[in-house]
Amino acid sequence: MHELADVQKYLLTGSAIFLSVTIFFCLLRAALGPRFTDRITAANIIGTKVIVLIAVMAMIIGESYLADICLIYAIISFLSVVVLARSVLEHKEEEKDSWYES
């Protein structure tokens, strides 16, 4: 039974490392993305991967309070993406209206 716990710990550690690397690549896409939609999508994916990473870390260290942090982070991540998308879309509408007026 002890061997199974070791395998689980190695698997969780490997998945945490993999998630960290993919979060880095998403950060690159968010910084270098040619379009706004690429940046918003990358920010949303980063938020999702961070939530999963926190859940994996909760399993590794055995602390249940990190599940509450995952839920709070999910709400904040969702709201931040919605607010960012809405503000940029409003800015685009203003540019479009000013273009029609001139």
N, C-alpha and C. Protein backbone atom coordinates (compact mmCIF):
# COMPACT_ATOMS: atom_id res chain seq x y z
N MET A 1 0.82 -1.19 0.00
CA MET A 1 0.00 0.00 0.00
C MET A 1 0.87 1.26 0.00
N HIS A 2 2.02 1.18 0.61
CA HIS A 2 2.92 2.33 0.66
C HIS A 2 3.45 2.67 -0.73
N GLU A 3 3.63 1.67 -1.57
CA GLU A 3 4.12 1.90 -2.93
C GLU A 3 3.09 2.66 -3.76
N LEU A 4 1.82 2.40 -3.53
CA LEU A 4 0.77 3.10 -4.25
C LEU A 4 0.75 4.58 -3.89
N ALA A 5 0.98 4.91 -2.65
CA ALA A 5 1.03 6.30 -2.22
C ALA A 5 2.22 7.02 -2.85
N ASP A 6 3.34 6.32 -2.99
CA ASP A 6 4.50 6.92 -3.65
C ASP A 6 4.22 7.20 -5.12
N VAL A 7 3.57 6.25 -5.78
CA VAL A 7 3.22 6.43 -7.20
C VAL A 7 2.27 7.61 -7.35
N GLN A 8 1.31 7.72 -6.45
CA GLN A 8 0.36 8.83 -6.50
C GLN A 8 1.08 10.17 -6.32
N LYS A 9 2.00 10.21 -5.38
CA LYS A 9 2.73 11.45 -5.12
C LYS A 9 3.58 11.85 -6.34
N TYR A 10 4.25 10.86 -6.97
CA TYR A 10 5.05 11.16 -8.17
C TYR A 10 4.16 11.61 -9.33
N LEU A 11 3.01 10.99 -9.47
CA LEU A 11 2.09 11.37 -10.54
C LEU A 11 1.56 12.79 -10.33
N LEU A 12 1.19 13.12 -9.11
CA LEU A 12 0.70 14.46 -8.82
C LEU A 12 1.80 15.51 -8.99
N THR A 13 3.03 15.17 -8.58
CA THR A 13 4.14 16.11 -8.75
C THR A 13 4.43 16.31 -10.23
N GLY A 14 4.40 15.25 -11.01
CA GLY A 14 4.61 15.37 -12.45
C GLY A 14 3.54 16.21 -13.12
N SER A 15 2.30 16.02 -12.70
CA SER A 15 1.22 16.83 -13.29
C SER A 15 1.34 18.29 -12.88
N ALA A 16 1.82 18.57 -11.67
CA ALA A 16 2.02 19.95 -11.24
C ALA A 16 3.12 20.61 -12.07
N ILE A 17 4.18 19.88 -12.35
CA ILE A 17 5.26 20.42 -13.19
C ILE A 17 4.76 20.67 -14.60
N PHE A 18 3.99 19.71 -15.15
CA PHE A 18 3.44 19.86 -16.49
C PHE A 18 2.52 21.07 -16.57
N LEU A 19 1.66 21.25 -15.57
CA LEU A 19 0.76 22.40 -15.55
C LEU A 19 1.54 23.71 -15.47
N SER A 20 2.61 23.73 -14.69
CA SER A 20 3.42 24.94 -14.58
C SER A 20 4.06 25.31 -15.91
N VAL A 21 4.53 24.31 -16.64
CA VAL A 21 5.14 24.58 -17.94
C VAL A 21 4.09 25.08 -18.93
N THR A 22 2.92 24.47 -18.95
CA THR A 22 1.89 24.92 -19.88
C THR A 22 1.34 26.30 -19.51
N ILE A 23 1.33 26.63 -18.23
CA ILE A 23 0.93 27.98 -17.82
C ILE A 23 1.93 28.99 -18.37
N PHE A 24 3.21 28.66 -18.36
CA PHE A 24 4.22 29.54 -18.92
C PHE A 24 3.97 29.78 -20.41
N PHE A 25 3.64 28.72 -21.16
CA PHE A 25 3.37 28.88 -22.59
C PHE A 25 2.11 29.71 -22.83
N CYS A 26 1.13 29.57 -21.96
CA CYS A 26 -0.07 30.40 -22.08
C CYS A 26 0.24 31.86 -21.77
N LEU A 27 1.16 32.10 -20.84
CA LEU A 27 1.59 33.47 -20.57
C LEU A 27 2.25 34.08 -21.80
N LEU A 28 3.03 33.28 -22.50
CA LEU A 28 3.64 33.77 -23.75
C LEU A 28 2.57 34.12 -24.77
N ARG A 29 1.57 33.26 -24.89
CA ARG A 29 0.49 33.53 -25.85
C ARG A 29 -0.28 34.78 -25.44
N ALA A 30 -0.48 34.98 -24.16
CA ALA A 30 -1.19 36.18 -23.69
C ALA A 30 -0.38 37.43 -23.96
N ALA A 31 0.92 37.34 -23.86
CA ALA A 31 1.76 38.51 -24.09
C ALA A 31 1.99 38.78 -25.58
N LEU A 32 2.14 37.72 -26.36
CA LEU A 32 2.51 37.88 -27.77
C LEU A 32 1.36 37.66 -28.74
N GLY A 33 0.19 37.32 -28.24
CA GLY A 33 -0.93 36.98 -29.12
C GLY A 33 -1.23 38.11 -30.09
N PRO A 34 -1.42 37.79 -31.35
CA PRO A 34 -1.65 38.86 -32.31
C PRO A 34 -3.03 39.51 -32.18
N ARG A 35 -4.01 38.78 -31.69
CA ARG A 35 -5.36 39.32 -31.57
C ARG A 35 -5.79 39.37 -30.11
N PHE A 36 -6.80 40.19 -29.88
CA PHE A 36 -7.35 40.31 -28.53
C PHE A 36 -7.97 39.00 -28.06
N THR A 37 -8.60 38.30 -28.97
CA THR A 37 -9.24 37.03 -28.58
C THR A 37 -8.21 36.01 -28.12
N ASP A 38 -7.02 36.04 -28.72
CA ASP A 38 -5.95 35.14 -28.26
C ASP A 38 -5.56 35.46 -26.82
N ARG A 39 -5.49 36.73 -26.53
CA ARG A 39 -5.09 37.14 -25.18
C ARG A 39 -6.15 36.79 -24.14
N ILE A 40 -7.41 37.02 -24.47
CA ILE A 40 -8.49 36.70 -23.54
C ILE A 40 -8.57 35.19 -23.31
N THR A 41 -8.45 34.43 -24.39
CA THR A 41 -8.49 32.98 -24.26
C THR A 41 -7.33 32.47 -23.43
N ALA A 42 -6.14 33.03 -23.65
CA ALA A 42 -4.97 32.62 -22.87
C ALA A 42 -5.16 32.98 -21.39
N ALA A 43 -5.72 34.13 -21.11
CA ALA A 43 -5.96 34.52 -19.72
C ALA A 43 -6.97 33.57 -19.05
N ASN A 44 -7.98 33.18 -19.79
CA ASN A 44 -8.96 32.25 -19.25
C ASN A 44 -8.35 30.87 -19.02
N ILE A 45 -7.52 30.42 -19.94
CA ILE A 45 -6.86 29.12 -19.78
C ILE A 45 -5.88 29.16 -18.60
N ILE A 46 -5.18 30.27 -18.44
CA ILE A 46 -4.26 30.40 -17.31
C ILE A 46 -5.03 30.30 -15.99
N GLY A 47 -6.17 30.97 -15.93
CA GLY A 47 -6.98 30.89 -14.71
C GLY A 47 -7.43 29.48 -14.41
N THR A 48 -7.87 28.77 -15.44
CA THR A 48 -8.31 27.39 -15.25
C THR A 48 -7.17 26.49 -14.81
N LYS A 49 -6.01 26.65 -15.44
CA LYS A 49 -4.86 25.81 -15.08
C LYS A 49 -4.36 26.12 -13.68
N VAL A 50 -4.43 27.36 -13.25
CA VAL A 50 -4.01 27.70 -11.89
C VAL A 50 -4.96 27.05 -10.88
N ILE A 51 -6.25 27.02 -11.19
CA ILE A 51 -7.20 26.37 -10.31
C ILE A 51 -6.88 24.88 -10.18
N VAL A 52 -6.60 24.23 -11.30
CA VAL A 52 -6.24 22.82 -11.26
C VAL A 52 -4.93 22.61 -10.52
N LEU A 53 -3.98 23.51 -10.72
CA LEU A 53 -2.68 23.42 -10.04
C LEU A 53 -2.86 23.55 -8.52
N ILE A 54 -3.70 24.45 -8.09
CA ILE A 54 -3.96 24.58 -6.65
C ILE A 54 -4.61 23.31 -6.11
N ALA A 55 -5.53 22.72 -6.88
CA ALA A 55 -6.17 21.48 -6.44
C ALA A 55 -5.16 20.34 -6.36
N VAL A 56 -4.25 20.28 -7.32
CA VAL A 56 -3.21 19.24 -7.28
C VAL A 56 -2.30 19.46 -6.08
N MET A 57 -1.94 20.69 -5.82
CA MET A 57 -1.10 20.98 -4.66
C MET A 57 -1.82 20.63 -3.36
N ALA A 58 -3.14 20.82 -3.33
CA ALA A 58 -3.91 20.43 -2.15
C ALA A 58 -3.84 18.93 -1.92
N MET A 59 -3.86 18.17 -3.01
CA MET A 59 -3.74 16.71 -2.90
C MET A 59 -2.34 16.31 -2.44
N ILE A 60 -1.32 17.00 -2.94
CA ILE A 60 0.06 16.65 -2.60
C ILE A 60 0.33 16.90 -1.12
N ILE A 61 -0.05 18.09 -0.65
CA ILE A 61 0.29 18.41 0.74
C ILE A 61 -0.80 18.01 1.73
N GLY A 62 -1.99 17.62 1.21
CA GLY A 62 -3.05 17.11 2.09
C GLY A 62 -3.78 18.16 2.89
N GLU A 63 -3.91 19.35 2.36
CA GLU A 63 -4.63 20.42 3.05
C GLU A 63 -5.95 20.68 2.33
N SER A 64 -7.04 20.59 3.07
CA SER A 64 -8.36 20.72 2.45
C SER A 64 -8.79 22.18 2.26
N TYR A 65 -8.18 23.11 2.99
CA TYR A 65 -8.57 24.51 2.84
C TYR A 65 -8.22 25.07 1.46
N LEU A 66 -7.32 24.41 0.75
CA LEU A 66 -6.97 24.88 -0.58
C LEU A 66 -8.12 24.69 -1.57
N ALA A 67 -9.06 23.80 -1.28
CA ALA A 67 -10.24 23.65 -2.13
C ALA A 67 -11.09 24.91 -2.08
N ASP A 68 -11.18 25.53 -0.91
CA ASP A 68 -11.91 26.80 -0.80
C ASP A 68 -11.20 27.89 -1.59
N ILE A 69 -9.90 27.88 -1.56
CA ILE A 69 -9.13 28.86 -2.34
C ILE A 69 -9.36 28.65 -3.83
N CYS A 70 -9.48 27.39 -4.26
CA CYS A 70 -9.78 27.10 -5.66
C CYS A 70 -11.12 27.71 -6.08
N LEU A 71 -12.12 27.58 -5.24
CA LEU A 71 -13.44 28.11 -5.56
C LEU A 71 -13.42 29.64 -5.64
N ILE A 72 -12.76 30.27 -4.70
CA ILE A 72 -12.67 31.72 -4.71
C ILE A 72 -11.88 32.20 -5.93
N TYR A 73 -10.79 31.52 -6.25
CA TYR A 73 -10.00 31.89 -7.41
C TYR A 73 -10.79 31.70 -8.71
N ALA A 74 -11.63 30.67 -8.77
CA ALA A 74 -12.45 30.44 -9.96
C ALA A 74 -13.43 31.58 -10.17
N ILE A 75 -14.04 32.05 -9.11
CA ILE A 75 -14.98 33.16 -9.22
C ILE A 75 -14.26 34.43 -9.66
N ILE A 76 -13.12 34.72 -9.05
CA ILE A 76 -12.37 35.91 -9.40
C ILE A 76 -11.86 35.83 -10.84
N SER A 77 -11.39 34.69 -11.26
CA SER A 77 -10.89 34.52 -12.63
C SER A 77 -12.01 34.73 -13.64
N PHE A 78 -13.17 34.15 -13.39
CA PHE A 78 -14.29 34.30 -14.30
C PHE A 78 -14.70 35.76 -14.40
N LEU A 79 -14.84 36.42 -13.27
CA LEU A 79 -15.27 37.82 -13.28
C LEU A 79 -14.24 38.72 -13.96
N SER A 80 -12.97 38.45 -13.75
CA SER A 80 -11.96 39.30 -14.37
C SER A 80 -11.97 39.17 -15.89
N VAL A 81 -12.16 37.97 -16.41
CA VAL A 81 -12.22 37.79 -17.86
C VAL A 81 -13.46 38.47 -18.43
N VAL A 82 -14.58 38.36 -17.75
CA VAL A 82 -15.81 38.99 -18.23
C VAL A 82 -15.67 40.51 -18.23
N VAL A 83 -15.13 41.08 -17.17
CA VAL A 83 -14.96 42.53 -17.09
C VAL A 83 -13.97 43.01 -18.14
N LEU A 84 -12.89 42.31 -18.33
CA LEU A 84 -11.90 42.71 -19.33
C LEU A 84 -12.49 42.65 -20.73
N ALA A 85 -13.19 41.59 -21.06
CA ALA A 85 -13.79 41.47 -22.38
C ALA A 85 -14.84 42.55 -22.61
N ARG A 86 -15.63 42.81 -21.60
CA ARG A 86 -16.68 43.84 -21.74
C ARG A 86 -16.08 45.23 -21.94
N SER A 87 -15.04 45.55 -21.19
CA SER A 87 -14.44 46.88 -21.33
C SER A 87 -13.79 47.06 -22.70
N VAL A 88 -13.15 46.03 -23.20
CA VAL A 88 -12.53 46.14 -24.51
C VAL A 88 -13.58 46.22 -25.60
N LEU A 89 -14.66 45.47 -25.48
CA LEU A 89 -15.73 45.54 -26.47
C LEU A 89 -16.40 46.91 -26.48
N GLU A 90 -16.58 47.51 -25.32
CA GLU A 90 -17.13 48.87 -25.25
C GLU A 90 -16.19 49.86 -25.92
N HIS A 91 -14.90 49.67 -25.71
CA HIS A 91 -13.91 50.55 -26.34
C HIS A 91 -13.96 50.40 -27.86
N LYS A 92 -14.12 49.18 -28.34
CA LYS A 92 -14.21 48.95 -29.79
C LYS A 92 -15.47 49.59 -30.36
N GLU A 93 -16.58 49.53 -29.63
CA GLU A 93 -17.82 50.16 -30.09
C GLU A 93 -17.65 51.67 -30.18
N GLU A 94 -16.95 52.27 -29.22
CA GLU A 94 -16.71 53.71 -29.26
C GLU A 94 -15.85 54.08 -30.45
N GLU A 95 -14.84 53.28 -30.75
CA GLU A 95 -14.01 53.55 -31.92
C GLU A 95 -14.83 53.43 -33.21
N LYS A 96 -15.71 52.45 -33.26
CA LYS A 96 -16.53 52.25 -34.45
C LYS A 96 -17.49 53.42 -34.63
N ASP A 97 -18.10 53.89 -33.53
CA ASP A 97 -19.01 55.02 -33.61
C ASP A 97 -18.28 56.29 -34.03
N SER A 98 -17.08 56.51 -33.51
CA SER A 98 -16.33 57.71 -33.88
C SER A 98 -15.87 57.64 -35.33
N TRP A 99 -15.66 56.44 -35.86
CA TRP A 99 -15.25 56.30 -37.24
C TRP A 99 -16.42 56.65 -38.16
N TYR A 100 -17.65 56.27 -37.77
CA TYR A 100 -18.82 56.59 -38.57
C TYR A 100 -19.11 58.09 -38.57
N GLU A 101 -18.81 58.77 -37.48
CA GLU A 101 -19.09 60.20 -37.38
C GLU A 101 -18.15 61.03 -38.23
N SER A 102 -16.94 60.56 -38.47
CA SER A 102 -15.99 61.37 -39.24
C SER A 102 -16.08 61.13 -40.72
